[in-house]
Amino acid sequence: SKDTPPVVALGPGAAWIPRTWGGPEQLASSGLCRGAFH
């Protein structure tokens, strides 16, 4: 759930992925997402 801000920061072109989960917070806290960060 701490990764919600970076998911939101991906912008509107990437919004389709979190939308499938009901939003960025739900996606980040689902436990079903992997990410590469810098």
PDB file of all heavy atoms in Angstrom:
ATOM      1  N   SER A   1       0.821  -1.214   0.000  1.00  0.00           N
ATOM      2  CA  SER A   1       0.000   0.000   0.000  1.00  0.00           C
ATOM      3  C   SER A   1       0.857   1.267   0.000  1.00  0.00           C
ATOM      4  O   SER A   1       0.415   2.320  -0.462  1.00  0.00           O
ATOM      5  CB  SER A   1      -0.953   0.000   1.186  1.00  0.00           C
ATOM      6  OG  SER A   1      -0.226  -0.082   2.393  1.00  0.00           O
ATOM      7  N   LYS A   2       2.102   1.174   0.468  1.00  0.00           N
ATOM      8  CA  LYS A   2       3.012   2.338   0.459  1.00  0.00           C
ATOM      9  C   LYS A   2       3.410   2.740  -0.960  1.00  0.00           C
ATOM     10  O   LYS A   2       3.947   3.822  -1.179  1.00  0.00           O
ATOM     11  CB  LYS A   2       4.261   2.041   1.279  1.00  0.00           C
ATOM     12  CG  LYS A   2       3.984   1.859   2.749  1.00  0.00           C
ATOM     13  CD  LYS A   2       5.235   1.512   3.496  1.00  0.00           C
ATOM     14  CE  LYS A   2       4.924   1.261   4.958  1.00  0.00           C
ATOM     15  NZ  LYS A   2       6.107   0.904   5.728  1.00  0.00           N
ATOM     16  N   ASP A   3       3.155   1.855  -1.938  1.00  0.00           N
ATOM     17  CA  ASP A   3       3.535   2.139  -3.322  1.00  0.00           C
ATOM     18  C   ASP A   3       2.421   2.837  -4.114  1.00  0.00           C
ATOM     19  O   ASP A   3       2.546   3.010  -5.328  1.00  0.00           O
ATOM     20  CB  ASP A   3       3.917   0.837  -4.030  1.00  0.00           C
ATOM     21  CG  ASP A   3       5.186   0.249  -3.455  1.00  0.00           C
ATOM     22  OD1 ASP A   3       6.177   0.993  -3.320  1.00  0.00           O
ATOM     23  OD2 ASP A   3       5.180  -0.953  -3.129  1.00  0.00           O
ATOM     24  N   THR A   4       1.358   3.243  -3.455  1.00  0.00           N
ATOM     25  CA  THR A   4       0.264   3.923  -4.149  1.00  0.00           C
ATOM     26  C   THR A   4       0.737   5.191  -4.855  1.00  0.00           C
ATOM     27  O   THR A   4       0.423   5.381  -6.040  1.00  0.00           O
ATOM     28  CB  THR A   4      -0.893   4.226  -3.179  1.00  0.00           C
ATOM     29  OG1 THR A   4      -1.374   2.984  -2.644  1.00  0.00           O
ATOM     30  CG2 THR A   4      -2.021   4.946  -3.879  1.00  0.00           C
ATOM     31  N   PRO A   5       1.499   6.095  -4.218  1.00  0.00           N
ATOM     32  CA  PRO A   5       1.924   7.313  -4.922  1.00  0.00           C
ATOM     33  C   PRO A   5       2.726   7.050  -6.206  1.00  0.00           C
ATOM     34  O   PRO A   5       2.458   7.689  -7.233  1.00  0.00           O
ATOM     35  CB  PRO A   5       2.746   8.082  -3.881  1.00  0.00           C
ATOM     36  CG  PRO A   5       2.185   7.628  -2.568  1.00  0.00           C
ATOM     37  CD  PRO A   5       1.852   6.167  -2.786  1.00  0.00           C
ATOM     38  N   PRO A   6       3.687   6.117  -6.216  1.00  0.00           N
ATOM     39  CA  PRO A   6       4.384   5.855  -7.478  1.00  0.00           C
ATOM     40  C   PRO A   6       3.479   5.280  -8.566  1.00  0.00           C
ATOM     41  O   PRO A   6       3.684   5.548  -9.748  1.00  0.00           O
ATOM     42  CB  PRO A   6       5.470   4.843  -7.104  1.00  0.00           C
ATOM     43  CG  PRO A   6       5.665   4.965  -5.653  1.00  0.00           C
ATOM     44  CD  PRO A   6       4.346   5.414  -5.098  1.00  0.00           C
ATOM     45  N   VAL A   7       2.464   4.506  -8.187  1.00  0.00           N
ATOM     46  CA  VAL A   7       1.524   3.982  -9.176  1.00  0.00           C
ATOM     47  C   VAL A   7       0.709   5.127  -9.764  1.00  0.00           C
ATOM     48  O   VAL A   7       0.532   5.217 -10.982  1.00  0.00           O
ATOM     49  CB  VAL A   7       0.606   2.895  -8.562  1.00  0.00           C
ATOM     50  CG1 VAL A   7      -0.490   2.503  -9.539  1.00  0.00           C
ATOM     51  CG2 VAL A   7       1.422   1.678  -8.154  1.00  0.00           C
ATOM     52  N   VAL A   8       0.251   6.041  -8.922  1.00  0.00           N
ATOM     53  CA  VAL A   8      -0.497   7.210  -9.395  1.00  0.00           C
ATOM     54  C   VAL A   8       0.381   8.058 -10.307  1.00  0.00           C
ATOM     55  O   VAL A   8      -0.075   8.563 -11.342  1.00  0.00           O
ATOM     56  CB  VAL A   8      -1.010   8.061  -8.206  1.00  0.00           C
ATOM     57  CG1 VAL A   8      -1.597   9.379  -8.681  1.00  0.00           C
ATOM     58  CG2 VAL A   8      -2.033   7.277  -7.397  1.00  0.00           C
ATOM     59  N   ALA A   9       1.666   8.193  -9.964  1.00  0.00           N
ATOM     60  CA  ALA A   9       2.592   9.033 -10.727  1.00  0.00           C
ATOM     61  C   ALA A   9       2.864   8.505 -12.131  1.00  0.00           C
ATOM     62  O   ALA A   9       3.390   9.240 -12.972  1.00  0.00           O
ATOM     63  CB  ALA A   9       3.908   9.187  -9.967  1.00  0.00           C
ATOM     64  N   LEU A  10       2.488   7.249 -12.406  1.00  0.00           N
ATOM     65  CA  LEU A  10       2.679   6.722 -13.764  1.00  0.00           C
ATOM     66  C   LEU A  10       1.826   7.481 -14.776  1.00  0.00           C
ATOM     67  O   LEU A  10       2.109   7.456 -15.956  1.00  0.00           O
ATOM     68  CB  LEU A  10       2.355   5.233 -13.808  1.00  0.00           C
ATOM     69  CG  LEU A  10       3.395   4.329 -13.161  1.00  0.00           C
ATOM     70  CD1 LEU A  10       2.836   2.926 -12.984  1.00  0.00           C
ATOM     71  CD2 LEU A  10       4.669   4.295 -13.989  1.00  0.00           C
ATOM     72  N   GLY A  11       0.778   8.148 -14.303  1.00  0.00           N
ATOM     73  CA  GLY A  11      -0.001   9.028 -15.160  1.00  0.00           C
ATOM     74  C   GLY A  11      -1.206   8.371 -15.799  1.00  0.00           C
ATOM     75  O   GLY A  11      -1.439   7.165 -15.667  1.00  0.00           O
ATOM     76  N   PRO A  12      -1.968   9.180 -16.544  1.00  0.00           N
ATOM     77  CA  PRO A  12      -3.229   8.698 -17.120  1.00  0.00           C
ATOM     78  C   PRO A  12      -3.054   7.611 -18.175  1.00  0.00           C
ATOM     79  O   PRO A  12      -3.933   6.772 -18.346  1.00  0.00           O
ATOM     80  CB  PRO A  12      -3.864   9.950 -17.723  1.00  0.00           C
ATOM     81  CG  PRO A  12      -2.801  10.977 -17.760  1.00  0.00           C
ATOM     82  CD  PRO A  12      -1.746  10.594 -16.776  1.00  0.00           C
ATOM     83  N   GLY A  13      -1.940   7.575 -18.859  1.00  0.00           N
ATOM     84  CA  GLY A  13      -1.709   6.537 -19.868  1.00  0.00           C
ATOM     85  C   GLY A  13      -1.567   5.152 -19.258  1.00  0.00           C
ATOM     86  O   GLY A  13      -1.754   4.145 -19.930  1.00  0.00           O
ATOM     87  N   ALA A  14      -1.262   5.088 -17.973  1.00  0.00           N
ATOM     88  CA  ALA A  14      -1.099   3.816 -17.275  1.00  0.00           C
ATOM     89  C   ALA A  14      -2.276   3.515 -16.360  1.00  0.00           C
ATOM     90  O   ALA A  14      -2.268   2.507 -15.657  1.00  0.00           O
ATOM     91  CB  ALA A  14       0.198   3.853 -16.455  1.00  0.00           C
ATOM     92  N   ALA A  15      -3.293   4.344 -16.373  1.00  0.00           N
ATOM     93  CA  ALA A  15      -4.413   4.212 -15.430  1.00  0.00           C
ATOM     94  C   ALA A  15      -5.246   2.958 -15.660  1.00  0.00           C
ATOM     95  O   ALA A  15      -5.958   2.521 -14.763  1.00  0.00           O
ATOM     96  CB  ALA A  15      -5.300   5.448 -15.499  1.00  0.00           C
ATOM     97  N   TRP A  16      -5.146   2.350 -16.836  1.00  0.00           N
ATOM     98  CA  TRP A  16      -5.975   1.171 -17.115  1.00  0.00           C
ATOM     99  C   TRP A  16      -5.615   0.001 -16.212  1.00  0.00           C
ATOM    100  O   TRP A  16      -6.470  -0.801 -15.857  1.00  0.00           O
ATOM    101  CB  TRP A  16      -5.862   0.768 -18.586  1.00  0.00           C
ATOM    102  CG  TRP A  16      -4.503   0.318 -19.009  1.00  0.00           C
ATOM    103  CD1 TRP A  16      -3.463   1.101 -19.433  1.00  0.00           C
ATOM    104  CD2 TRP A  16      -4.017  -1.031 -19.021  1.00  0.00           C
ATOM    105  NE1 TRP A  16      -2.367   0.325 -19.719  1.00  0.00           N
ATOM    106  CE2 TRP A  16      -2.685  -0.992 -19.480  1.00  0.00           C
ATOM    107  CE3 TRP A  16      -4.583  -2.254 -18.713  1.00  0.00           C
ATOM    108  CZ2 TRP A  16      -1.905  -2.127 -19.625  1.00  0.00           C
ATOM    109  CZ3 TRP A  16      -3.803  -3.405 -18.854  1.00  0.00           C
ATOM    110  CH2 TRP A  16      -2.476  -3.326 -19.311  1.00  0.00           C
ATOM    111  N   ILE A  17      -4.366  -0.116 -15.802  1.00  0.00           N
ATOM    112  CA  ILE A  17      -3.983  -1.238 -14.937  1.00  0.00           C
ATOM    113  C   ILE A  17      -4.583  -1.084 -13.538  1.00  0.00           C
ATOM    114  O   ILE A  17      -5.283  -1.976 -13.079  1.00  0.00           O
ATOM    115  CB  ILE A  17      -2.454  -1.447 -14.908  1.00  0.00           C
ATOM    116  CG1 ILE A  17      -2.033  -2.133 -16.199  1.00  0.00           C
ATOM    117  CG2 ILE A  17      -2.038  -2.277 -13.705  1.00  0.00           C
ATOM    118  CD1 ILE A  17      -0.650  -2.689 -16.213  1.00  0.00           C
ATOM    119  N   PRO A  18      -4.374   0.022 -12.835  1.00  0.00           N
ATOM    120  CA  PRO A  18      -5.006   0.125 -11.511  1.00  0.00           C
ATOM    121  C   PRO A  18      -6.533   0.160 -11.576  1.00  0.00           C
ATOM    122  O   PRO A  18      -7.198  -0.269 -10.641  1.00  0.00           O
ATOM    123  CB  PRO A  18      -4.452   1.419 -10.921  1.00  0.00           C
ATOM    124  CG  PRO A  18      -3.578   2.026 -11.927  1.00  0.00           C
ATOM    125  CD  PRO A  18      -3.453   1.110 -13.084  1.00  0.00           C
ATOM    126  N   ARG A  19      -7.081   0.621 -12.684  1.00  0.00           N
ATOM    127  CA  ARG A  19      -8.538   0.673 -12.828  1.00  0.00           C
ATOM    128  C   ARG A  19      -9.154  -0.728 -12.728  1.00  0.00           C
ATOM    129  O   ARG A  19     -10.252  -0.893 -12.214  1.00  0.00           O
ATOM    130  CB  ARG A  19      -8.928   1.323 -14.157  1.00  0.00           C
ATOM    131  CG  ARG A  19     -10.382   1.702 -14.241  1.00  0.00           C
ATOM    132  CD  ARG A  19     -10.745   2.434 -15.534  1.00  0.00           C
ATOM    133  NE  ARG A  19      -9.860   3.545 -15.815  1.00  0.00           N
ATOM    134  CZ  ARG A  19      -9.181   3.698 -16.972  1.00  0.00           C
ATOM    135  NH1 ARG A  19      -9.310   2.843 -17.952  1.00  0.00           N
ATOM    136  NH2 ARG A  19      -8.393   4.729 -17.149  1.00  0.00           N
ATOM    137  N   THR A  20      -8.432  -1.749 -13.193  1.00  0.00           N
ATOM    138  CA  THR A  20      -8.955  -3.115 -13.104  1.00  0.00           C
ATOM    139  C   THR A  20      -9.080  -3.578 -11.656  1.00  0.00           C
ATOM    140  O   THR A  20      -9.809  -4.534 -11.386  1.00  0.00           O
ATOM    141  CB  THR A  20      -8.077  -4.117 -13.889  1.00  0.00           C
ATOM    142  OG1 THR A  20      -6.788  -4.193 -13.289  1.00  0.00           O
ATOM    143  CG2 THR A  20      -7.962  -3.736 -15.350  1.00  0.00           C
ATOM    144  N   TRP A  21      -8.393  -2.911 -10.746  1.00  0.00           N
ATOM    145  CA  TRP A  21      -8.452  -3.266  -9.324  1.00  0.00           C
ATOM    146  C   TRP A  21      -9.291  -2.294  -8.505  1.00  0.00           C
ATOM    147  O   TRP A  21      -9.380  -2.429  -7.300  1.00  0.00           O
ATOM    148  CB  TRP A  21      -7.040  -3.326  -8.753  1.00  0.00           C
ATOM    149  CG  TRP A  21      -6.367  -4.594  -9.124  1.00  0.00           C
ATOM    150  CD1 TRP A  21      -5.533  -4.798 -10.176  1.00  0.00           C
ATOM    151  CD2 TRP A  21      -6.524  -5.845  -8.488  1.00  0.00           C
ATOM    152  NE1 TRP A  21      -5.147  -6.106 -10.224  1.00  0.00           N
ATOM    153  CE2 TRP A  21      -5.743  -6.780  -9.192  1.00  0.00           C
ATOM    154  CE3 TRP A  21      -7.251  -6.293  -7.389  1.00  0.00           C
ATOM    155  CZ2 TRP A  21      -5.669  -8.113  -8.819  1.00  0.00           C
ATOM    156  CZ3 TRP A  21      -7.172  -7.617  -7.031  1.00  0.00           C
ATOM    157  CH2 TRP A  21      -6.382  -8.510  -7.746  1.00  0.00           C
ATOM    158  N   GLY A  22      -9.846  -1.280  -9.147  1.00  0.00           N
ATOM    159  CA  GLY A  22     -10.631  -0.285  -8.421  1.00  0.00           C
ATOM    160  C   GLY A  22      -9.830   0.943  -8.046  1.00  0.00           C
ATOM    161  O   GLY A  22     -10.326   1.846  -7.395  1.00  0.00           O
ATOM    162  N   GLY A  23      -8.573   0.998  -8.455  1.00  0.00           N
ATOM    163  CA  GLY A  23      -7.743   2.168  -8.199  1.00  0.00           C
ATOM    164  C   GLY A  23      -6.335   1.786  -7.779  1.00  0.00           C
ATOM    165  O   GLY A  23      -6.042   0.617  -7.495  1.00  0.00           O
ATOM    166  N   PRO A  24      -5.445   2.780  -7.741  1.00  0.00           N
ATOM    167  CA  PRO A  24      -4.033   2.528  -7.413  1.00  0.00           C
ATOM    168  C   PRO A  24      -3.810   1.916  -6.029  1.00  0.00           C
ATOM    169  O   PRO A  24      -2.971   1.043  -5.871  1.00  0.00           O
ATOM    170  CB  PRO A  24      -3.386   3.912  -7.503  1.00  0.00           C
ATOM    171  CG  PRO A  24      -4.290   4.701  -8.370  1.00  0.00           C
ATOM    172  CD  PRO A  24      -5.664   4.171  -8.131  1.00  0.00           C
ATOM    173  N   GLU A  25      -4.568   2.358  -5.042  1.00  0.00           N
ATOM    174  CA  GLU A  25      -4.364   1.825  -3.694  1.00  0.00           C
ATOM    175  C   GLU A  25      -4.737   0.345  -3.621  1.00  0.00           C
ATOM    176  O   GLU A  25      -4.017  -0.459  -3.024  1.00  0.00           O
ATOM    177  CB  GLU A  25      -5.171   2.619  -2.675  1.00  0.00           C
ATOM    178  CG  GLU A  25      -4.881   2.181  -1.254  1.00  0.00           C
ATOM    179  CD  GLU A  25      -5.557   3.053  -0.215  1.00  0.00           C
ATOM    180  OE1 GLU A  25      -6.183   4.075  -0.562  1.00  0.00           O
ATOM    181  OE2 GLU A  25      -5.456   2.692   0.969  1.00  0.00           O
ATOM    182  N   GLN A  26      -5.837  -0.025  -4.262  1.00  0.00           N
ATOM    183  CA  GLN A  26      -6.253  -1.418  -4.251  1.00  0.00           C
ATOM    184  C   GLN A  26      -5.252  -2.294  -4.996  1.00  0.00           C
ATOM    185  O   GLN A  26      -4.960  -3.407  -4.566  1.00  0.00           O
ATOM    186  CB  GLN A  26      -7.650  -1.572  -4.863  1.00  0.00           C
ATOM    187  CG  GLN A  26      -8.753  -0.967  -4.036  1.00  0.00           C
ATOM    188  CD  GLN A  26      -8.952   0.528  -4.302  1.00  0.00           C
ATOM    189  OE1 GLN A  26      -8.113   1.195  -4.891  1.00  0.00           O
ATOM    190  NE2 GLN A  26     -10.063   1.053  -3.841  1.00  0.00           N
ATOM    191  N   LEU A  27      -4.733  -1.793  -6.108  1.00  0.00           N
ATOM    192  CA  LEU A  27      -3.724  -2.546  -6.854  1.00  0.00           C
ATOM    193  C   LEU A  27      -2.470  -2.745  -6.003  1.00  0.00           C
ATOM    194  O   LEU A  27      -1.979  -3.862  -5.849  1.00  0.00           O
ATOM    195  CB  LEU A  27      -3.356  -1.843  -8.152  1.00  0.00           C
ATOM    196  CG  LEU A  27      -2.159  -2.433  -8.908  1.00  0.00           C
ATOM    197  CD1 LEU A  27      -2.472  -3.833  -9.408  1.00  0.00           C
ATOM    198  CD2 LEU A  27      -1.764  -1.529 -10.048  1.00  0.00           C
ATOM    199  N   ALA A  28      -1.971  -1.661  -5.436  1.00  0.00           N
ATOM    200  CA  ALA A  28      -0.724  -1.725  -4.667  1.00  0.00           C
ATOM    201  C   ALA A  28      -0.853  -2.646  -3.453  1.00  0.00           C
ATOM    202  O   ALA A  28       0.093  -3.353  -3.108  1.00  0.00           O
ATOM    203  CB  ALA A  28      -0.302  -0.324  -4.234  1.00  0.00           C
ATOM    204  N   SER A  29      -2.017  -2.672  -2.833  1.00  0.00           N
ATOM    205  CA  SER A  29      -2.179  -3.486  -1.628  1.00  0.00           C
ATOM    206  C   SER A  29      -2.714  -4.889  -1.919  1.00  0.00           C
ATOM    207  O   SER A  29      -2.891  -5.684  -0.999  1.00  0.00           O
ATOM    208  CB  SER A  29      -3.097  -2.776  -0.625  1.00  0.00           C
ATOM    209  OG  SER A  29      -4.375  -2.577  -1.187  1.00  0.00           O
ATOM    210  N   SER A  30      -2.920  -5.228  -3.203  1.00  0.00           N
ATOM    211  CA  SER A  30      -3.490  -6.530  -3.567  1.00  0.00           C
ATOM    212  C   SER A  30      -2.538  -7.697  -3.307  1.00  0.00           C
ATOM    213  O   SER A  30      -2.969  -8.833  -3.141  1.00  0.00           O
ATOM    214  CB  SER A  30      -3.888  -6.546  -5.045  1.00  0.00           C
ATOM    215  OG  SER A  30      -2.732  -6.564  -5.877  1.00  0.00           O
ATOM    216  N   GLY A  31      -1.230  -7.441  -3.314  1.00  0.00           N
ATOM    217  CA  GLY A  31      -0.261  -8.520  -3.202  1.00  0.00           C
ATOM    218  C   GLY A  31      -0.065  -9.260  -4.515  1.00  0.00           C
ATOM    219  O   GLY A  31       0.650 -10.243  -4.570  1.00  0.00           O
ATOM    220  N   LEU A  32      -0.705  -8.785  -5.585  1.00  0.00           N
ATOM    221  CA  LEU A  32      -0.661  -9.454  -6.884  1.00  0.00           C
ATOM    222  C   LEU A  32       0.003  -8.587  -7.942  1.00  0.00           C
ATOM    223  O   LEU A  32      -0.303  -8.678  -9.134  1.00  0.00           O
ATOM    224  CB  LEU A  32      -2.090  -9.821  -7.322  1.00  0.00           C
ATOM    225  CG  LEU A  32      -2.859 -10.718  -6.355  1.00  0.00           C
ATOM    226  CD1 LEU A  32      -4.300 -10.880  -6.815  1.00  0.00           C
ATOM    227  CD2 LEU A  32      -2.180 -12.063  -6.208  1.00  0.00           C
ATOM    228  N   CYS A  33       0.934  -7.744  -7.505  1.00  0.00           N
ATOM    229  CA  CYS A  33       1.617  -6.844  -8.440  1.00  0.00           C
ATOM    230  C   CYS A  33       3.102  -6.792  -8.087  1.00  0.00           C
ATOM    231  O   CYS A  33       3.467  -6.692  -6.917  1.00  0.00           O
ATOM    232  CB  CYS A  33       0.997  -5.454  -8.368  1.00  0.00           C
ATOM    233  SG  CYS A  33       1.596  -4.311  -9.624  1.00  0.00           S
ATOM    234  N   ARG A  34       3.923  -6.852  -9.112  1.00  0.00           N
ATOM    235  CA  ARG A  34       5.371  -6.701  -8.977  1.00  0.00           C
ATOM    236  C   ARG A  34       5.790  -5.432  -9.691  1.00  0.00           C
ATOM    237  O   ARG A  34       5.213  -5.059 -10.711  1.00  0.00           O
ATOM    238  CB  ARG A  34       6.102  -7.889  -9.608  1.00  0.00           C
ATOM    239  CG  ARG A  34       5.977  -9.171  -8.842  1.00  0.00           C
ATOM    240  CD  ARG A  34       6.841  -9.095  -7.592  1.00  0.00           C
ATOM    241  NE  ARG A  34       6.954 -10.389  -6.942  1.00  0.00           N
ATOM    242  CZ  ARG A  34       8.060 -10.805  -6.375  1.00  0.00           C
ATOM    243  NH1 ARG A  34       9.148 -10.071  -6.396  1.00  0.00           N
ATOM    244  NH2 ARG A  34       8.079 -11.969  -5.773  1.00  0.00           N
ATOM    245  N   GLY A  35       6.829  -4.783  -9.182  1.00  0.00           N
ATOM    246  CA  GLY A  35       7.270  -3.554  -9.807  1.00  0.00           C
ATOM    247  C   GLY A  35       8.776  -3.385  -9.780  1.00  0.00           C
ATOM    248  O   GLY A  35       9.457  -3.930  -8.910  1.00  0.00           O
ATOM    249  N   ALA A  36       9.266  -2.642 -10.757  1.00  0.00           N
ATOM    250  CA  ALA A  36      10.675  -2.242 -10.802  1.00  0.00           C
ATOM    251  C   ALA A  36      10.704  -0.751 -10.474  1.00  0.00           C
ATOM    252  O   ALA A  36       9.971   0.029 -11.096  1.00  0.00           O
ATOM    253  CB  ALA A  36      11.262  -2.502 -12.180  1.00  0.00           C
ATOM    254  N   PHE A  37      11.518  -0.390  -9.520  1.00  0.00           N
ATOM    255  CA  PHE A  37      11.574   0.986  -9.036  1.00  0.00           C
ATOM    256  C   PHE A  37      12.997   1.519  -9.094  1.00  0.00           C
ATOM    257  O   PHE A  37      13.957   0.754  -9.012  1.00  0.00           O
ATOM    258  CB  PHE A  37      11.100   1.047  -7.574  1.00  0.00           C
ATOM    259  CG  PHE A  37       9.655   0.715  -7.389  1.00  0.00           C
ATOM    260  CD1 PHE A  37       9.245  -0.602  -7.307  1.00  0.00           C
ATOM    261  CD2 PHE A  37       8.705   1.717  -7.296  1.00  0.00           C
ATOM    262  CE1 PHE A  37       7.914  -0.933  -7.133  1.00  0.00           C
ATOM    263  CE2 PHE A  37       7.376   1.405  -7.127  1.00  0.00           C
ATOM    264  CZ  PHE A  37       6.974   0.082  -7.045  1.00  0.00           C
ATOM    265  N   HIS A  38      13.095   2.830  -9.208  1.00  0.00           N
ATOM    266  CA  HIS A  38      14.386   3.501  -9.097  1.00  0.00           C
ATOM    267  C   HIS A  38      14.152   4.801  -8.346  1.00  0.00           C
ATOM    268  O   HIS A  38      13.351   5.641  -8.784  1.00  0.00           O
ATOM    269  CB  HIS A  38      14.982   3.787 -10.474  1.00  0.00           C
ATOM    270  CG  HIS A  38      16.305   4.473 -10.411  1.00  0.00           C
ATOM    271  ND1 HIS A  38      17.436   3.870  -9.913  1.00  0.00           N
ATOM    272  CD2 HIS A  38      16.675   5.733 -10.760  1.00  0.00           C
ATOM    273  CE1 HIS A  38      18.453   4.715  -9.969  1.00  0.00           C
ATOM    274  NE2 HIS A  38      18.003   5.857 -10.480  1.00  0.00           N
TER     275      HIS A  38
END
